């Protein structure tokens, strides 16, 4: 019996080509609700703000996860080595990242192709089609394809005539690949390359070629609605016409978020099991993002002039955190937190009394301002009580629920704590987050 096999590349190549043909014609209505993407998750998130990473780098992905809940990663056939596969698999299975394949399925190892094919991803045909239409909308106009062909032909001929720069013949192909589809601002870069060839300036030829790769990364990030995760120095070297439509705030907003988190001490250690790390990230990412956005939201409109204000805010919060930690009232809350953590029945009552404003005589400790420090202990006590009475079974799922309850209640209880200890809510939030993250990493 002949084994039936599906040619994945042929299937999706033909599907996407048909979609593009209808999109470029006047038959928009024929598409109805059909999407370019097979994955429903991709279809839902492709247009929303996200972080796009230019290659698979495990450490870089971990560094981005606490601040971004939608991360796309372009994956070439050489990106995932055998030693990377288990971590890559975990990240994809838990939707921590969405892989974008830059080459046909057949170019990847069988285990990677089989795994990715059965999970949410963007295949290479979808990627190139989406990027093509996205780039054409960025520029004010397209460059005539015939003109580009003439430029390619004449430039290669000029390079072949000179021994000194003959090695740069392949750079012409790299530039065409990086800039396609060509839009009006690219004329400036093509002219620079042509002048460098005419001058037989090997260094300048390499420089312009590298600039084309930077432009590729910038435009891809713009199309995917992502911060531009490349070195600002690389952007500074680009011709003015090419960079005129780049929002400066977008180029540095991602790194700014990480700087603020680092300044506030809101860092999740990465030297733990990947599943444990993802559990912690999922619990605390909304709270970390809330604090970062509160500090940076206005400054991102005028990022350079306001950076000093951001730094000042970080200093003030850190100073206030130090003051709170030494205050007698906060020490009292910490003592109450420890007490309730060891007495499950009281923790159970206190948690609900505090959460619903029915604190009564418990208000002295957890019912009113006990808040952020004690809520984790109270929730933990409640879960312990439930396990002891066999209301729920133990395990990671229950522990995650405990963390989730603590995270959900934390903003409300932080306000009460702030009133009680005479501090600002942001400072209490930061202090509570530091404590909760530290405790979570020690579980």
Protein backbone atom coordinates (compact mmCIF):
# COMPACT_ATOMS: atom_id res chain seq x y z
CA UNK A 1 0.00 0.00 0.00
CA UNK A 2 1.43 3.37 -1.01
CA UNK A 3 1.98 5.75 1.90
CA UNK A 4 0.09 9.00 1.45
CA UNK A 5 2.04 12.14 2.30
CA UNK A 6 1.18 15.81 2.10
CA UNK A 7 3.63 18.28 0.62
CA UNK A 8 3.28 21.04 3.22
CA UNK A 9 5.23 23.55 1.18
CA UNK A 10 3.22 23.02 -1.99
CA UNK A 11 -0.04 23.15 -0.06
CA UNK A 12 0.71 26.48 1.64
CA UNK A 13 2.54 28.00 -1.30
CA UNK A 14 -0.52 27.50 -3.50
CA UNK A 15 -2.93 28.60 -0.75
CA UNK A 16 -1.08 31.86 -0.07
CA UNK A 17 -0.52 32.55 -3.79
CA UNK A 18 -4.26 32.20 -4.40
CA UNK A 19 -5.01 34.52 -1.48
CA UNK A 20 -2.55 37.14 -2.76
CA UNK A 21 -3.91 36.96 -6.32
CA UNK A 22 -7.43 37.67 -5.10
CA UNK A 23 -6.20 40.40 -2.77
CA UNK A 24 -4.42 42.17 -5.63
CA UNK A 25 -7.47 41.90 -7.88
CA UNK A 26 -10.82 43.57 -7.36
CA UNK A 27 -12.28 40.46 -5.75
CA UNK A 28 -11.97 41.47 -2.09
CA UNK A 29 -15.52 40.29 -1.43
CA UNK A 30 -14.59 36.78 -2.58
CA UNK A 31 -12.27 36.46 0.41
CA UNK A 32 -15.15 36.83 2.89
CA UNK A 33 -13.73 35.97 6.32
CA UNK A 34 -10.79 34.01 4.93
CA UNK A 35 -7.48 34.85 6.55
CA UNK A 36 -3.97 34.76 5.22
CA UNK A 37 -3.00 32.86 8.36
CA UNK A 38 -4.01 29.32 9.27
CA UNK A 39 -3.43 29.88 13.00
CA UNK A 40 -6.36 31.56 14.78
CA UNK A 41 -4.00 32.81 17.49
CA UNK A 42 -1.81 34.50 14.87
CA UNK A 43 -4.89 35.95 13.20
CA UNK A 44 -5.96 37.46 16.54
CA UNK A 45 -2.55 38.88 17.55
CA UNK A 46 -0.86 39.79 14.27
CA UNK A 47 -2.18 43.36 14.27
CA UNK A 48 -1.79 44.05 17.99
CA UNK A 49 1.32 45.51 19.69
CA UNK A 50 3.95 42.86 20.19
CA UNK A 51 7.68 42.24 20.39
CA UNK A 52 9.34 40.77 17.32
CA UNK A 53 12.77 39.23 17.87
CA UNK A 54 14.98 38.82 14.77
CA UNK A 55 16.26 35.36 15.73
CA UNK A 56 15.93 32.63 18.35
CA UNK A 57 18.04 33.60 21.34
CA UNK A 58 16.90 31.86 24.52
CA UNK A 59 18.42 34.36 26.98
CA UNK A 60 17.02 37.32 25.08
CA UNK A 61 13.57 35.75 25.02
CA UNK A 62 13.65 35.21 28.79
CA UNK A 63 14.68 38.84 29.27
CA UNK A 64 11.68 40.05 27.22
CA UNK A 65 9.00 37.78 28.70
CA UNK A 66 8.33 39.74 31.94
CA UNK A 67 7.36 42.83 29.92
CA UNK A 68 5.68 41.39 26.81
CA UNK A 69 2.85 38.87 26.60
CA UNK A 70 2.96 38.60 22.79
CA UNK A 71 6.36 37.72 21.37
CA UNK A 72 7.01 36.63 17.79
CA UNK A 73 10.41 35.15 16.91
CA UNK A 74 11.77 34.69 13.39
CA UNK A 75 13.35 31.26 13.13
CA UNK A 76 15.74 30.30 10.33
CA UNK A 77 16.69 26.66 9.58
CA UNK A 78 19.91 27.04 11.61
CA UNK A 79 18.41 28.83 14.64
CA UNK A 80 17.35 25.80 16.70
CA UNK A 81 20.17 23.42 17.54
CA UNK A 82 19.54 19.99 19.05
CA UNK A 83 20.40 21.32 22.52
CA UNK A 84 17.85 24.15 22.11
CA UNK A 85 14.87 22.02 21.13
CA UNK A 86 13.42 21.20 24.57
CA UNK A 87 13.35 24.84 25.70
CA UNK A 88 12.04 25.94 22.31
CA UNK A 89 9.30 23.32 22.55
CA UNK A 90 8.24 24.51 26.02
CA UNK A 91 8.13 28.17 24.95
CA UNK A 92 5.96 27.37 21.93
CA UNK A 93 3.64 24.96 23.75
CA UNK A 94 2.92 27.57 26.42
CA UNK A 95 2.44 30.36 23.84
CA UNK A 96 5.34 32.28 25.34
CA UNK A 97 6.58 32.77 21.77
CA UNK A 98 5.12 32.40 18.29
CA UNK A 99 7.70 31.19 15.76
CA UNK A 100 7.90 32.73 12.29
CA UNK A 101 9.52 30.40 9.79
CA UNK A 102 11.63 32.30 7.26
CA UNK A 103 12.16 29.32 4.96
CA UNK A 104 10.05 26.42 3.61
CA UNK A 105 9.23 23.56 5.99
CA UNK A 106 11.53 21.26 4.01
CA UNK A 107 14.56 23.34 5.00
CA UNK A 108 14.11 22.54 8.72
CA UNK A 109 14.97 19.33 10.52
CA UNK A 110 12.09 16.84 10.58
CA UNK A 111 11.46 17.09 14.34
CA UNK A 112 11.30 20.91 14.26
CA UNK A 113 9.10 21.00 11.15
CA UNK A 114 6.70 18.39 12.57
CA UNK A 115 6.48 20.11 15.95
CA UNK A 116 6.00 23.65 14.63
CA UNK A 117 3.47 22.52 12.02
CA UNK A 118 1.14 21.27 14.77
CA UNK A 119 1.37 24.47 16.89
CA UNK A 120 0.58 28.14 16.37
CA UNK A 121 3.13 29.66 13.99
CA UNK A 122 3.58 31.78 10.88
CA UNK A 123 4.90 29.81 7.92
CA UNK A 124 7.33 31.34 5.45
CA UNK A 125 4.69 31.86 2.74
CA UNK A 126 2.41 33.75 5.12
CA UNK A 127 5.37 35.73 6.47
CA UNK A 128 6.69 36.93 3.12
CA UNK A 129 3.21 37.80 1.82
CA UNK A 130 2.27 39.72 4.97
CA UNK A 131 5.59 41.56 5.01
CA UNK A 132 5.32 42.42 1.31
CA UNK A 133 1.95 44.14 1.66
CA UNK A 134 2.99 45.76 4.94
CA UNK A 135 6.15 47.31 3.50
CA UNK A 136 4.34 48.70 0.46
CA UNK A 137 2.07 50.61 2.83
CA UNK A 138 5.02 52.14 4.73
CA UNK A 139 6.56 54.11 1.87
CA UNK A 140 5.08 56.98 -0.14
CA UNK A 141 5.43 55.01 -3.38
CA UNK A 142 6.99 52.03 -5.14
CA UNK A 143 10.14 51.97 -7.27
CA UNK A 144 9.68 50.68 -10.81
CA UNK A 145 10.77 47.02 -10.96
CA UNK A 146 12.31 47.62 -14.38
CA UNK A 147 14.51 50.38 -12.91
CA UNK A 148 15.66 48.03 -10.14
CA UNK A 149 16.53 45.36 -12.73
CA UNK A 150 18.62 47.87 -14.67
CA UNK A 151 20.37 48.96 -11.48
CA UNK A 152 21.17 45.33 -10.66
CA UNK A 153 22.48 44.57 -14.14
CA UNK A 154 24.64 47.71 -14.41
CA UNK A 155 26.00 47.43 -10.85
CA UNK A 156 27.03 43.81 -11.27
CA UNK A 157 28.71 44.66 -14.55
CA UNK A 158 30.68 47.49 -12.91
CA UNK A 159 31.77 45.22 -10.05
CA UNK A 160 32.92 42.48 -12.44
CA UNK A 161 35.21 44.92 -14.24
CA UNK A 162 37.19 45.73 -11.09
CA UNK A 163 39.40 43.14 -9.39
CA UNK A 164 39.46 45.19 -6.17
CA UNK A 165 35.71 44.93 -5.55
CA UNK A 166 34.77 41.74 -7.41
CA UNK A 167 34.20 39.97 -4.09
CA UNK A 168 31.19 42.26 -3.53
CA UNK A 169 29.16 40.85 -6.43
CA UNK A 170 26.97 38.87 -4.03
CA UNK A 171 26.28 42.05 -2.05
CA UNK A 172 24.04 43.21 -4.89
CA UNK A 173 21.81 40.18 -4.35
CA UNK A 174 21.81 40.80 -0.58
CA UNK A 175 20.65 44.39 -1.07
CA UNK A 176 17.87 43.34 -3.42
CA UNK A 177 16.72 40.65 -1.00
CA UNK A 178 16.82 43.03 1.99
CA UNK A 179 15.03 45.96 0.34
CA UNK A 180 12.35 44.05 -1.57
CA UNK A 181 9.69 45.30 -2.10
CA UNK A 182 11.42 48.55 -3.06
CA UNK A 183 9.80 51.78 -1.96
CA UNK A 184 10.72 55.37 -2.84
CA UNK A 185 13.20 56.08 0.01
CA UNK A 186 15.36 53.18 -1.22
CA UNK A 187 16.56 55.24 -4.19
CA UNK A 188 18.91 57.01 -1.81
CA UNK A 189 20.54 53.75 -0.69
CA UNK A 190 20.81 52.39 -4.24
CA UNK A 191 22.55 55.60 -5.29
CA UNK A 192 24.99 55.32 -2.37
CA UNK A 193 25.86 51.76 -3.35
CA UNK A 194 26.31 52.72 -7.00
CA UNK A 195 28.62 55.58 -6.00
CA UNK A 196 30.65 53.26 -3.73
CA UNK A 197 31.07 50.81 -6.62
CA UNK A 198 32.06 53.59 -8.98
CA UNK A 199 34.64 54.81 -6.43
CA UNK A 200 35.84 51.21 -5.88
CA UNK A 201 35.39 51.81 -2.16
CA UNK A 202 35.20 48.30 -0.69
CA UNK A 203 34.58 49.53 2.87
CA UNK A 204 31.67 51.73 1.79
CA UNK A 205 30.15 48.91 -0.26
CA UNK A 206 30.12 46.69 2.83
CA UNK A 207 28.71 49.53 4.92
CA UNK A 208 25.79 50.14 2.55
CA UNK A 209 25.09 46.40 2.38
CA UNK A 210 24.93 46.25 6.17
CA UNK A 211 22.60 49.25 6.17
CA UNK A 212 20.22 47.34 3.91
CA UNK A 213 20.04 44.57 6.53
CA UNK A 214 19.24 47.14 9.22
CA UNK A 215 16.48 48.53 7.01
CA UNK A 216 15.09 45.02 6.58
CA UNK A 217 14.88 44.60 10.36
CA UNK A 218 13.31 48.03 10.86
CA UNK A 219 10.63 47.52 8.23
CA UNK A 220 9.82 44.05 9.47
CA UNK A 221 9.34 45.43 12.99
CA UNK A 222 7.13 48.22 11.65
CA UNK A 223 4.98 45.77 9.69
CA UNK A 224 4.55 43.54 12.75
CA UNK A 225 3.75 46.49 15.06
CA UNK A 226 6.80 45.87 17.23
CA UNK A 227 9.45 48.00 18.92
CA UNK A 228 12.62 48.08 16.84
CA UNK A 229 14.98 45.78 18.73
CA UNK A 230 18.24 46.86 17.13
CA UNK A 231 21.12 49.06 18.18
CA UNK A 232 20.35 52.77 17.94
CA UNK A 233 23.81 53.30 16.44
CA UNK A 234 22.80 51.21 13.43
CA UNK A 235 19.73 53.39 12.90
CA UNK A 236 21.82 56.56 13.17
CA UNK A 237 23.95 55.53 10.15
CA UNK A 238 20.98 55.20 7.79
CA UNK A 239 20.21 57.84 5.15
CA UNK A 240 17.76 60.49 6.34
CA UNK A 241 15.16 59.63 3.72
CA UNK A 242 15.04 56.02 4.84
CA UNK A 243 14.52 56.79 8.54
CA UNK A 244 12.18 59.77 8.25
CA UNK A 245 9.09 57.70 9.08
CA UNK A 246 10.55 55.92 12.11
CA UNK A 247 8.99 56.89 15.43
CA UNK A 248 11.88 57.50 17.83
CA UNK A 249 9.76 56.38 20.78
CA UNK A 250 9.22 52.98 19.17
CA UNK A 251 12.95 52.43 18.69
CA UNK A 252 13.70 52.68 22.39
CA UNK A 253 10.46 51.94 24.22
CA UNK A 254 11.33 48.27 24.69
CA UNK A 255 14.74 48.93 26.22
CA UNK A 256 13.25 51.74 28.33
CA UNK A 257 10.77 49.31 29.91
CA UNK A 258 13.62 46.97 30.83
CA UNK A 259 15.65 49.86 32.27
CA UNK A 260 12.74 50.98 34.46
CA UNK A 261 12.14 47.44 35.71
CA UNK A 262 15.83 47.04 36.47
CA UNK A 263 15.90 50.38 38.28
CA UNK A 264 12.94 49.37 40.45
CA UNK A 265 14.46 45.98 41.25
CA UNK A 266 11.64 44.11 39.47
CA UNK A 267 13.79 41.40 37.94
CA UNK A 268 12.80 37.75 37.68
CA UNK A 269 15.84 35.44 37.93
CA UNK A 270 16.35 33.35 34.79
CA UNK A 271 18.50 30.63 36.33
CA UNK A 272 15.52 28.42 37.26
CA UNK A 273 13.51 25.71 35.51
CA UNK A 274 11.86 27.08 32.35
CA UNK A 275 8.34 26.03 33.40
CA UNK A 276 8.78 27.61 36.84
CA UNK A 277 10.08 30.78 35.18
CA UNK A 278 7.05 30.95 32.87
CA UNK A 279 4.68 30.41 35.82
CA UNK A 280 6.24 33.35 37.67
CA UNK A 281 6.24 35.53 34.56
CA UNK A 282 2.55 34.85 33.88
CA UNK A 283 1.65 35.78 37.46
CA UNK A 284 3.63 38.99 37.75
CA UNK A 285 3.80 40.36 34.19
CA UNK A 286 0.52 42.34 34.45
CA UNK A 287 1.62 43.96 37.73
CA UNK A 288 5.13 44.75 36.49
CA UNK A 289 3.73 46.19 33.25
CA UNK A 290 1.26 48.32 35.18
CA UNK A 291 4.03 49.97 37.20
CA UNK A 292 6.29 50.45 34.18
CA UNK A 293 3.49 51.94 32.06
CA UNK A 294 2.53 54.31 34.87
CA UNK A 295 6.07 55.72 34.87
CA UNK A 296 6.77 55.72 31.14
CA UNK A 297 3.40 56.35 29.45
CA UNK A 298 3.74 60.14 29.21
CA UNK A 299 7.50 60.14 28.76
CA UNK A 300 7.32 57.91 25.68
CA UNK A 301 5.76 60.84 23.88
CA UNK A 302 8.95 62.89 24.32
CA UNK A 303 11.39 60.29 25.44
CA UNK A 304 14.73 62.08 25.47
CA UNK A 305 13.69 65.23 27.31
CA UNK A 306 11.70 63.25 29.86
CA UNK A 307 14.27 60.55 30.61
CA UNK A 308 15.63 62.56 33.54
CA UNK A 309 12.09 62.69 34.95
CA UNK A 310 11.83 58.90 34.69
CA UNK A 311 15.14 58.51 36.50
CA UNK A 312 13.97 60.92 39.20
CA UNK A 313 10.75 58.91 39.66
CA UNK A 314 12.73 55.68 40.05
CA UNK A 315 14.99 57.28 42.66
CA UNK A 316 12.02 58.61 44.63
CA UNK A 317 10.23 55.26 44.64
CA UNK A 318 13.37 53.40 45.73
CA UNK A 319 13.95 55.90 48.55
CA UNK A 320 10.34 55.50 49.68
CA UNK A 321 10.62 51.71 49.59
CA UNK A 322 13.64 51.92 51.90
CA UNK A 323 11.70 54.16 54.28
CA UNK A 324 8.65 51.86 54.31
CA UNK A 325 10.76 48.80 55.08
CA UNK A 326 12.04 50.47 58.25
CA UNK A 327 8.68 51.79 59.46
CA UNK A 328 7.10 50.22 62.55
CA UNK A 329 3.70 49.97 60.94
CA UNK A 330 5.06 47.94 58.04
CA UNK A 331 6.94 45.69 60.46
CA UNK A 332 3.60 45.11 62.23
CA UNK A 333 2.02 44.10 58.93
CA UNK A 334 4.88 41.71 58.26
CA UNK A 335 4.36 40.15 61.69
CA UNK A 336 0.65 39.75 60.98
CA UNK A 337 1.52 38.22 57.63
CA UNK A 338 3.66 35.57 59.29
CA UNK A 339 1.00 34.87 61.90
CA UNK A 340 -1.78 34.37 59.38
CA UNK A 341 0.46 32.30 57.15
CA UNK A 342 0.87 29.78 60.01
CA UNK A 343 -2.80 29.75 61.03
CA UNK A 344 -4.80 28.54 58.07
CA UNK A 345 -8.29 28.93 59.53
CA UNK A 346 -7.69 32.55 60.50
CA UNK A 347 -6.07 33.20 57.14
CA UNK A 348 -9.15 31.86 55.42
CA UNK A 349 -11.47 34.19 57.33
CA UNK A 350 -9.10 37.13 57.08
CA UNK A 351 -8.67 36.79 53.34
CA UNK A 352 -12.38 36.99 52.61
CA UNK A 353 -13.02 39.61 55.28
CA UNK A 354 -10.25 41.78 53.89
CA UNK A 355 -11.19 41.22 50.26
CA UNK A 356 -14.84 42.15 50.76
CA UNK A 357 -14.41 44.91 53.34
CA UNK A 358 -15.93 42.85 56.19
CA UNK A 359 -12.86 42.98 58.35
CA UNK A 360 -14.50 43.85 61.68
CA UNK A 361 -12.17 43.10 64.54
CA UNK A 362 -9.56 41.78 62.13
CA UNK A 363 -8.99 45.23 60.68
CA UNK A 364 -6.01 45.77 62.94
CA UNK A 365 -3.99 43.37 60.85
CA UNK A 366 -5.14 41.87 57.61
CA UNK A 367 -8.73 43.04 57.27
CA UNK A 368 -7.90 46.60 56.38
CA UNK A 369 -4.42 47.63 55.47
CA UNK A 370 -2.70 44.27 55.71
CA UNK A 371 -2.49 44.05 52.51
CA UNK A 372 0.16 43.35 50.05
CA UNK A 373 2.64 41.65 52.31
CA UNK A 374 0.01 39.62 54.11
CA UNK A 375 -2.19 38.70 51.20
CA UNK A 376 0.28 36.16 49.90
CA UNK A 377 0.47 34.50 53.30
CA UNK A 378 -3.30 34.55 53.70
CA UNK A 379 -3.89 33.03 50.29
CA UNK A 380 -1.24 30.42 50.98
CA UNK A 381 -2.98 29.63 54.26
CA UNK A 382 -6.33 29.27 52.51
CA UNK A 383 -4.88 26.88 49.94
CA UNK A 384 -3.17 24.87 52.69
CA UNK A 385 -6.48 24.58 54.53
CA UNK A 386 -8.26 23.44 51.36
CA UNK A 387 -5.61 20.78 50.73
CA UNK A 388 -5.71 19.58 54.33
CA UNK A 389 -9.49 19.08 54.20
CA UNK A 390 -9.17 17.48 50.75
CA UNK A 391 -11.37 20.12 49.15
CA UNK A 392 -8.81 20.27 46.35
CA UNK A 393 -5.90 18.07 45.38
CA UNK A 394 -2.39 19.44 45.58
CA UNK A 395 -0.03 20.13 42.73
CA UNK A 396 1.31 22.92 40.50
CA UNK A 397 -2.16 23.96 39.28
CA UNK A 398 -3.33 24.73 42.82
CA UNK A 399 -0.11 26.61 43.57
CA UNK A 400 -0.62 28.68 40.42
CA UNK A 401 -4.19 29.45 41.52
CA UNK A 402 -2.85 30.64 44.88
CA UNK A 403 -0.40 32.96 43.11
CA UNK A 404 -3.14 34.20 40.80
CA UNK A 405 -5.46 35.10 43.69
CA UNK A 406 -2.63 36.97 45.40
CA UNK A 407 -1.83 38.87 42.20
CA UNK A 408 -5.47 39.81 41.60
CA UNK A 409 -5.97 41.14 45.14
CA UNK A 410 -2.63 42.90 45.40
CA UNK A 411 -3.59 46.24 43.75
CA UNK A 412 -6.58 46.74 46.06
CA UNK A 413 -4.74 45.78 49.21
CA UNK A 414 -1.74 47.91 48.25
CA UNK A 415 -3.93 51.01 48.43
CA UNK A 416 -4.97 50.15 51.98
CA UNK A 417 -1.38 49.44 52.96
CA UNK A 418 -0.29 52.79 51.51
CA UNK A 419 -2.83 54.61 53.66
CA UNK A 420 -1.82 52.67 56.76
CA UNK A 421 1.94 53.21 56.49
CA UNK A 422 1.69 56.72 55.04
CA UNK A 423 3.30 55.99 51.68
CA UNK A 424 2.44 56.22 48.00
CA UNK A 425 0.68 53.29 46.33
CA UNK A 426 3.40 52.91 43.64
CA UNK A 427 6.08 52.47 46.31
CA UNK A 428 3.98 49.85 48.11
CA UNK A 429 3.32 48.07 44.81
CA UNK A 430 7.03 47.93 43.99
CA UNK A 431 7.95 46.70 47.45
CA UNK A 432 5.23 44.06 47.39
CA UNK A 433 6.25 42.88 43.92
CA UNK A 434 9.87 42.50 44.98
CA UNK A 435 8.80 40.40 47.97
CA UNK A 436 6.39 38.23 45.98
CA UNK A 437 8.88 37.60 43.17
CA UNK A 438 11.57 36.66 45.68
CA UNK A 439 9.23 34.23 47.48
CA UNK A 440 8.06 32.68 44.21
CA UNK A 441 11.59 31.94 43.05
CA UNK A 442 12.31 30.09 46.30
CA UNK A 443 9.38 27.68 46.02
